[in-house]
């Protein structure tokens, strides 16, 4: 109980942002018909989510995150970071160590949504 089981990403340009997440993480997207909004189901290796057409303007940058930010567990932080940057993403907070646990960092997707990367590493310092 009380585990995160679903996540959503808001997008002002769903085709562009679907391509970004497919390129970076290999996620699969399926359009859901019959809803009052443009909505795509996301399938990852172990969690489902959704991408929806943003119902309001994109918030201004450099104002902090007004959301519940999710982090993606990756095998290699630097390789995933390179993919994000090559796909047009930006670094929001550079890679840093959480000593004895992992490497963490934050990025912005093409619609200025913040998300994190985590590489488990008990030798991180």
N, C-alpha and C. Protein backbone atom coordinates (compact mmCIF):
# COMPACT_ATOMS: atom_id res chain seq x y z
N UNK A 1 0.83 -1.20 0.00
CA UNK A 1 0.00 0.00 0.00
C UNK A 1 0.86 1.25 0.00
N UNK A 2 0.28 2.32 -0.42
CA UNK A 2 0.90 3.64 -0.43
C UNK A 2 2.14 3.72 -1.31
N UNK A 3 2.23 2.87 -2.34
CA UNK A 3 3.31 2.94 -3.31
C UNK A 3 2.86 3.74 -4.52
N UNK A 4 3.79 4.39 -5.17
CA UNK A 4 3.47 5.08 -6.42
C UNK A 4 3.23 4.03 -7.49
N UNK A 5 2.08 4.10 -8.17
CA UNK A 5 1.74 3.10 -9.17
C UNK A 5 1.44 3.70 -10.54
N UNK A 6 1.41 5.03 -10.64
CA UNK A 6 1.04 5.67 -11.90
C UNK A 6 1.63 7.08 -11.90
N UNK A 7 2.03 7.56 -13.07
CA UNK A 7 2.53 8.92 -13.18
C UNK A 7 1.96 9.56 -14.43
N UNK A 8 1.95 10.89 -14.48
CA UNK A 8 1.48 11.61 -15.66
C UNK A 8 2.44 12.73 -16.01
N UNK A 9 2.54 12.96 -17.31
CA UNK A 9 3.36 14.04 -17.86
C UNK A 9 2.43 14.94 -18.66
N UNK A 10 2.47 16.23 -18.40
CA UNK A 10 1.70 17.18 -19.20
C UNK A 10 2.56 17.67 -20.35
N UNK A 11 1.93 17.88 -21.51
CA UNK A 11 2.68 18.26 -22.71
C UNK A 11 1.88 19.24 -23.57
N UNK A 12 2.52 20.30 -24.01
CA UNK A 12 1.87 21.21 -24.96
C UNK A 12 2.04 20.72 -26.39
N UNK A 13 2.90 19.71 -26.61
CA UNK A 13 3.14 19.15 -27.93
C UNK A 13 3.34 17.64 -27.79
N UNK A 14 2.26 16.87 -27.63
CA UNK A 14 2.41 15.43 -27.38
C UNK A 14 3.28 14.67 -28.37
N UNK A 15 3.14 14.84 -29.70
CA UNK A 15 4.00 14.06 -30.60
C UNK A 15 5.49 14.30 -30.35
N UNK A 16 5.87 15.54 -30.13
CA UNK A 16 7.27 15.89 -29.87
C UNK A 16 7.76 15.23 -28.58
N UNK A 17 6.95 15.31 -27.52
CA UNK A 17 7.37 14.81 -26.22
C UNK A 17 7.32 13.28 -26.15
N UNK A 18 6.39 12.67 -26.87
CA UNK A 18 6.38 11.21 -26.98
C UNK A 18 7.68 10.75 -27.62
N UNK A 19 8.09 11.41 -28.69
CA UNK A 19 9.35 11.06 -29.36
C UNK A 19 10.53 11.20 -28.41
N UNK A 20 10.54 12.26 -27.60
CA UNK A 20 11.62 12.48 -26.63
C UNK A 20 11.72 11.30 -25.67
N UNK A 21 10.62 10.92 -25.03
CA UNK A 21 10.65 9.85 -24.03
C UNK A 21 10.88 8.47 -24.65
N UNK A 22 10.40 8.25 -25.88
CA UNK A 22 10.70 6.99 -26.56
C UNK A 22 12.19 6.91 -26.86
N UNK A 23 12.78 8.01 -27.31
CA UNK A 23 14.20 8.05 -27.65
C UNK A 23 15.08 7.87 -26.42
N UNK A 24 14.75 8.55 -25.35
CA UNK A 24 15.60 8.54 -24.15
C UNK A 24 15.44 7.25 -23.34
N UNK A 25 14.19 6.82 -23.09
CA UNK A 25 13.95 5.69 -22.19
C UNK A 25 13.34 4.45 -22.85
N UNK A 26 12.93 4.55 -24.11
CA UNK A 26 12.34 3.41 -24.79
C UNK A 26 10.91 3.10 -24.34
N UNK A 27 10.21 4.07 -23.76
CA UNK A 27 8.84 3.85 -23.31
C UNK A 27 7.90 3.70 -24.50
N UNK A 28 6.80 2.96 -24.32
CA UNK A 28 5.79 2.76 -25.35
C UNK A 28 4.56 3.60 -25.05
N UNK A 29 4.01 4.24 -26.07
CA UNK A 29 2.86 5.13 -25.93
C UNK A 29 1.70 4.63 -26.80
N UNK A 30 0.50 4.64 -26.24
CA UNK A 30 -0.70 4.25 -26.97
C UNK A 30 -1.77 5.31 -26.74
N UNK A 31 -2.31 5.86 -27.83
CA UNK A 31 -3.36 6.88 -27.68
C UNK A 31 -4.62 6.23 -27.14
N UNK A 32 -5.24 6.90 -26.15
CA UNK A 32 -6.49 6.43 -25.55
C UNK A 32 -7.62 7.24 -26.17
N UNK A 33 -8.53 6.56 -26.84
CA UNK A 33 -9.67 7.22 -27.48
C UNK A 33 -10.84 7.33 -26.51
N UNK A 34 -11.75 8.25 -26.80
CA UNK A 34 -12.99 8.36 -26.03
C UNK A 34 -12.89 9.19 -24.77
N UNK A 35 -11.76 9.87 -24.55
CA UNK A 35 -11.61 10.73 -23.38
C UNK A 35 -11.85 12.18 -23.78
N UNK A 36 -12.22 13.05 -22.84
CA UNK A 36 -12.46 14.45 -23.18
C UNK A 36 -11.15 15.25 -23.38
N UNK A 37 -9.99 14.59 -23.24
CA UNK A 37 -8.69 15.23 -23.45
C UNK A 37 -7.83 14.33 -24.33
N UNK A 38 -6.80 14.89 -24.94
CA UNK A 38 -5.83 14.09 -25.69
C UNK A 38 -4.95 13.38 -24.68
N UNK A 39 -4.95 12.04 -24.71
CA UNK A 39 -4.29 11.27 -23.67
C UNK A 39 -3.62 10.03 -24.26
N UNK A 40 -2.41 9.73 -23.77
CA UNK A 40 -1.64 8.57 -24.22
C UNK A 40 -1.23 7.75 -23.01
N UNK A 41 -1.47 6.45 -23.06
CA UNK A 41 -1.02 5.52 -22.02
C UNK A 41 0.48 5.29 -22.21
N UNK A 42 1.24 5.28 -21.13
CA UNK A 42 2.68 5.02 -21.17
C UNK A 42 2.94 3.68 -20.50
N UNK A 43 3.71 2.84 -21.16
CA UNK A 43 4.15 1.57 -20.58
C UNK A 43 5.66 1.60 -20.43
N UNK A 44 6.13 1.42 -19.20
CA UNK A 44 7.55 1.30 -18.93
C UNK A 44 7.79 -0.15 -18.49
N UNK A 45 9.00 -0.47 -18.12
CA UNK A 45 9.31 -1.83 -17.71
C UNK A 45 8.52 -2.26 -16.47
N UNK A 46 8.26 -1.31 -15.55
CA UNK A 46 7.61 -1.72 -14.31
C UNK A 46 6.52 -0.79 -13.80
N UNK A 47 6.15 0.24 -14.54
CA UNK A 47 5.12 1.16 -14.08
C UNK A 47 4.38 1.74 -15.28
N UNK A 48 3.11 2.00 -15.10
CA UNK A 48 2.32 2.64 -16.15
C UNK A 48 2.17 4.12 -15.84
N UNK A 49 1.93 4.87 -16.89
CA UNK A 49 1.71 6.29 -16.73
C UNK A 49 0.89 6.82 -17.88
N UNK A 50 0.80 8.14 -17.95
CA UNK A 50 0.06 8.78 -19.02
C UNK A 50 0.70 10.08 -19.42
N UNK A 51 0.51 10.46 -20.67
CA UNK A 51 0.93 11.77 -21.17
C UNK A 51 -0.33 12.44 -21.68
N UNK A 52 -0.61 13.64 -21.19
CA UNK A 52 -1.82 14.34 -21.60
C UNK A 52 -1.50 15.70 -22.17
N UNK A 53 -2.36 16.15 -23.07
CA UNK A 53 -2.24 17.49 -23.63
C UNK A 53 -2.37 18.48 -22.48
N UNK A 54 -1.39 19.36 -22.33
CA UNK A 54 -1.37 20.33 -21.24
C UNK A 54 -2.62 21.22 -21.31
N UNK A 55 -3.39 21.31 -20.21
CA UNK A 55 -4.63 22.08 -20.23
C UNK A 55 -4.44 23.58 -20.01
N UNK A 56 -3.22 24.02 -19.78
CA UNK A 56 -2.94 25.44 -19.52
C UNK A 56 -1.59 25.79 -20.13
N UNK A 57 -1.19 27.02 -20.01
CA UNK A 57 0.11 27.47 -20.52
C UNK A 57 1.25 26.77 -19.81
N UNK A 58 2.39 26.63 -20.48
CA UNK A 58 3.60 26.10 -19.85
C UNK A 58 4.04 27.10 -18.79
N UNK A 59 4.30 26.65 -17.56
CA UNK A 59 4.75 27.57 -16.52
C UNK A 59 6.09 28.20 -16.89
N UNK A 60 6.36 29.40 -16.39
CA UNK A 60 7.65 30.04 -16.69
C UNK A 60 8.81 29.24 -16.07
N UNK A 61 9.97 29.32 -16.72
CA UNK A 61 11.14 28.62 -16.20
C UNK A 61 11.72 29.36 -14.99
N UNK A 62 12.56 28.68 -14.24
CA UNK A 62 13.27 29.22 -13.08
C UNK A 62 12.34 29.67 -11.96
N UNK A 63 11.17 29.03 -11.85
CA UNK A 63 10.22 29.36 -10.78
C UNK A 63 10.07 28.23 -9.79
N UNK A 64 10.85 27.19 -9.90
CA UNK A 64 10.69 26.04 -9.03
C UNK A 64 9.66 25.10 -9.59
N UNK A 65 9.60 23.91 -9.05
CA UNK A 65 8.70 22.88 -9.54
C UNK A 65 7.43 22.88 -8.71
N UNK A 66 6.30 23.04 -9.37
CA UNK A 66 5.01 22.97 -8.70
C UNK A 66 4.37 21.65 -9.11
N UNK A 67 4.97 20.56 -8.64
CA UNK A 67 4.52 19.22 -9.04
C UNK A 67 5.16 18.20 -8.12
N UNK A 68 4.82 16.96 -8.34
CA UNK A 68 5.40 15.81 -7.66
C UNK A 68 6.39 15.23 -8.64
N UNK A 69 7.67 15.42 -8.43
CA UNK A 69 8.68 15.04 -9.40
C UNK A 69 9.09 13.58 -9.25
N UNK A 70 9.12 12.87 -10.37
CA UNK A 70 9.54 11.47 -10.39
C UNK A 70 10.97 11.36 -10.91
N UNK A 71 11.69 10.36 -10.42
CA UNK A 71 13.03 10.07 -10.90
C UNK A 71 13.04 8.69 -11.54
N UNK A 72 13.81 8.54 -12.61
CA UNK A 72 13.91 7.30 -13.37
C UNK A 72 15.20 6.60 -12.98
N UNK A 73 15.11 5.35 -12.55
CA UNK A 73 16.27 4.54 -12.22
C UNK A 73 16.92 4.06 -13.51
N UNK A 74 18.20 4.37 -13.70
CA UNK A 74 18.93 3.98 -14.91
C UNK A 74 20.17 3.20 -14.51
N UNK A 75 20.66 2.42 -15.46
CA UNK A 75 21.86 1.63 -15.22
C UNK A 75 23.11 2.51 -15.20
N UNK A 76 23.14 3.52 -16.09
CA UNK A 76 24.32 4.37 -16.23
C UNK A 76 23.86 5.81 -16.35
N UNK A 77 24.08 6.59 -15.30
CA UNK A 77 23.64 7.99 -15.27
C UNK A 77 24.19 8.78 -16.44
N UNK A 78 25.49 8.68 -16.67
CA UNK A 78 26.13 9.50 -17.70
C UNK A 78 25.61 9.17 -19.10
N UNK A 79 25.40 7.88 -19.39
CA UNK A 79 24.88 7.48 -20.70
C UNK A 79 23.45 8.00 -20.88
N UNK A 80 22.62 7.90 -19.83
CA UNK A 80 21.25 8.40 -19.92
C UNK A 80 21.24 9.92 -20.06
N UNK A 81 22.12 10.60 -19.34
CA UNK A 81 22.24 12.05 -19.45
C UNK A 81 22.61 12.45 -20.88
N UNK A 82 23.54 11.73 -21.48
CA UNK A 82 23.93 12.02 -22.87
C UNK A 82 22.75 11.88 -23.82
N UNK A 83 21.92 10.84 -23.63
CA UNK A 83 20.74 10.65 -24.47
C UNK A 83 19.74 11.79 -24.30
N UNK A 84 19.55 12.21 -23.05
CA UNK A 84 18.62 13.31 -22.77
C UNK A 84 19.08 14.57 -23.48
N UNK A 85 20.35 14.90 -23.34
CA UNK A 85 20.88 16.13 -23.95
C UNK A 85 20.84 16.04 -25.47
N UNK A 86 21.16 14.87 -26.04
CA UNK A 86 21.13 14.68 -27.49
C UNK A 86 19.71 14.81 -28.04
N UNK A 87 18.71 14.46 -27.23
CA UNK A 87 17.31 14.55 -27.65
C UNK A 87 16.72 15.94 -27.41
N UNK A 88 17.53 16.88 -26.90
CA UNK A 88 17.08 18.25 -26.71
C UNK A 88 16.72 18.62 -25.29
N UNK A 89 16.85 17.67 -24.34
CA UNK A 89 16.59 17.98 -22.94
C UNK A 89 17.68 18.87 -22.37
N UNK A 90 17.45 19.38 -21.17
CA UNK A 90 18.40 20.28 -20.51
C UNK A 90 18.66 19.81 -19.09
N UNK A 91 19.82 20.16 -18.57
CA UNK A 91 20.15 19.88 -17.18
C UNK A 91 19.48 20.93 -16.30
N UNK A 92 18.71 20.48 -15.31
CA UNK A 92 18.10 21.39 -14.34
C UNK A 92 18.95 21.47 -13.08
N UNK A 93 19.52 20.34 -12.66
CA UNK A 93 20.43 20.27 -11.52
C UNK A 93 21.45 19.19 -11.85
N UNK A 94 22.73 19.55 -11.92
CA UNK A 94 23.76 18.58 -12.31
C UNK A 94 23.84 17.37 -11.37
N UNK A 95 24.43 16.33 -11.88
CA UNK A 95 24.64 15.08 -11.15
C UNK A 95 25.34 15.35 -9.81
N UNK A 96 24.83 14.70 -8.76
CA UNK A 96 25.44 14.82 -7.44
C UNK A 96 25.31 13.48 -6.73
N UNK A 97 26.16 13.25 -5.75
CA UNK A 97 26.14 12.00 -5.00
C UNK A 97 25.23 12.12 -3.79
N UNK A 98 24.47 11.07 -3.55
CA UNK A 98 23.83 10.86 -2.27
C UNK A 98 24.69 9.77 -1.64
N UNK A 99 25.62 10.17 -0.75
CA UNK A 99 26.67 9.26 -0.28
C UNK A 99 26.17 7.90 0.18
N UNK A 100 26.81 6.88 -0.36
CA UNK A 100 26.50 5.51 0.00
C UNK A 100 25.23 4.95 -0.63
N UNK A 101 24.58 5.73 -1.48
CA UNK A 101 23.29 5.29 -2.06
C UNK A 101 23.26 5.35 -3.57
N UNK A 102 23.49 6.57 -4.14
CA UNK A 102 23.25 6.73 -5.57
C UNK A 102 23.81 8.04 -6.10
N UNK A 103 23.73 8.15 -7.42
CA UNK A 103 23.96 9.41 -8.13
C UNK A 103 22.58 9.93 -8.53
N UNK A 104 22.35 11.22 -8.38
CA UNK A 104 21.05 11.84 -8.66
C UNK A 104 21.29 13.08 -9.49
N UNK A 105 20.35 13.45 -10.31
CA UNK A 105 20.39 14.70 -11.07
C UNK A 105 19.00 14.96 -11.62
N UNK A 106 18.77 16.19 -12.09
CA UNK A 106 17.46 16.57 -12.60
C UNK A 106 17.60 17.21 -13.97
N UNK A 107 16.58 16.99 -14.79
CA UNK A 107 16.58 17.46 -16.17
C UNK A 107 15.25 18.09 -16.51
N UNK A 108 15.21 18.83 -17.61
CA UNK A 108 13.98 19.37 -18.18
C UNK A 108 13.75 18.69 -19.52
N UNK A 109 12.51 18.27 -19.77
CA UNK A 109 12.18 17.72 -21.08
C UNK A 109 11.92 18.88 -22.03
N UNK A 110 11.43 18.60 -23.22
CA UNK A 110 11.23 19.63 -24.24
C UNK A 110 10.08 20.58 -23.91
N UNK A 111 9.24 20.22 -22.93
CA UNK A 111 8.13 21.07 -22.51
C UNK A 111 8.38 21.69 -21.14
N UNK A 112 9.64 21.66 -20.70
CA UNK A 112 10.08 22.24 -19.42
C UNK A 112 9.58 21.48 -18.21
N UNK A 113 9.18 20.21 -18.35
CA UNK A 113 8.83 19.37 -17.21
C UNK A 113 10.11 18.87 -16.55
N UNK A 114 10.15 18.89 -15.24
CA UNK A 114 11.31 18.42 -14.48
C UNK A 114 11.16 16.93 -14.18
N UNK A 115 12.25 16.18 -14.37
CA UNK A 115 12.31 14.78 -13.96
C UNK A 115 13.72 14.47 -13.51
N UNK A 116 13.86 13.43 -12.69
CA UNK A 116 15.16 13.07 -12.16
C UNK A 116 15.69 11.80 -12.77
N UNK A 117 17.00 11.62 -12.63
CA UNK A 117 17.68 10.36 -12.96
C UNK A 117 18.36 9.88 -11.70
N UNK A 118 18.35 8.57 -11.50
CA UNK A 118 19.03 7.95 -10.36
C UNK A 118 19.82 6.75 -10.87
N UNK A 119 21.09 6.68 -10.48
CA UNK A 119 21.90 5.48 -10.70
C UNK A 119 22.32 4.96 -9.33
N UNK A 120 21.84 3.77 -8.96
CA UNK A 120 22.20 3.18 -7.67
C UNK A 120 23.69 2.91 -7.65
N UNK A 121 24.36 3.36 -6.57
CA UNK A 121 25.80 3.14 -6.42
C UNK A 121 26.16 3.36 -4.97
N UNK A 122 26.39 2.28 -4.23
CA UNK A 122 26.71 2.42 -2.81
C UNK A 122 28.09 3.04 -2.59
N UNK A 123 28.87 3.21 -3.66
CA UNK A 123 30.18 3.86 -3.55
C UNK A 123 30.12 5.35 -3.89
N UNK A 124 28.93 5.87 -4.19
CA UNK A 124 28.79 7.29 -4.52
C UNK A 124 29.23 8.15 -3.34
N UNK A 125 30.03 9.17 -3.64
CA UNK A 125 30.44 10.13 -2.60
C UNK A 125 30.90 11.41 -3.20
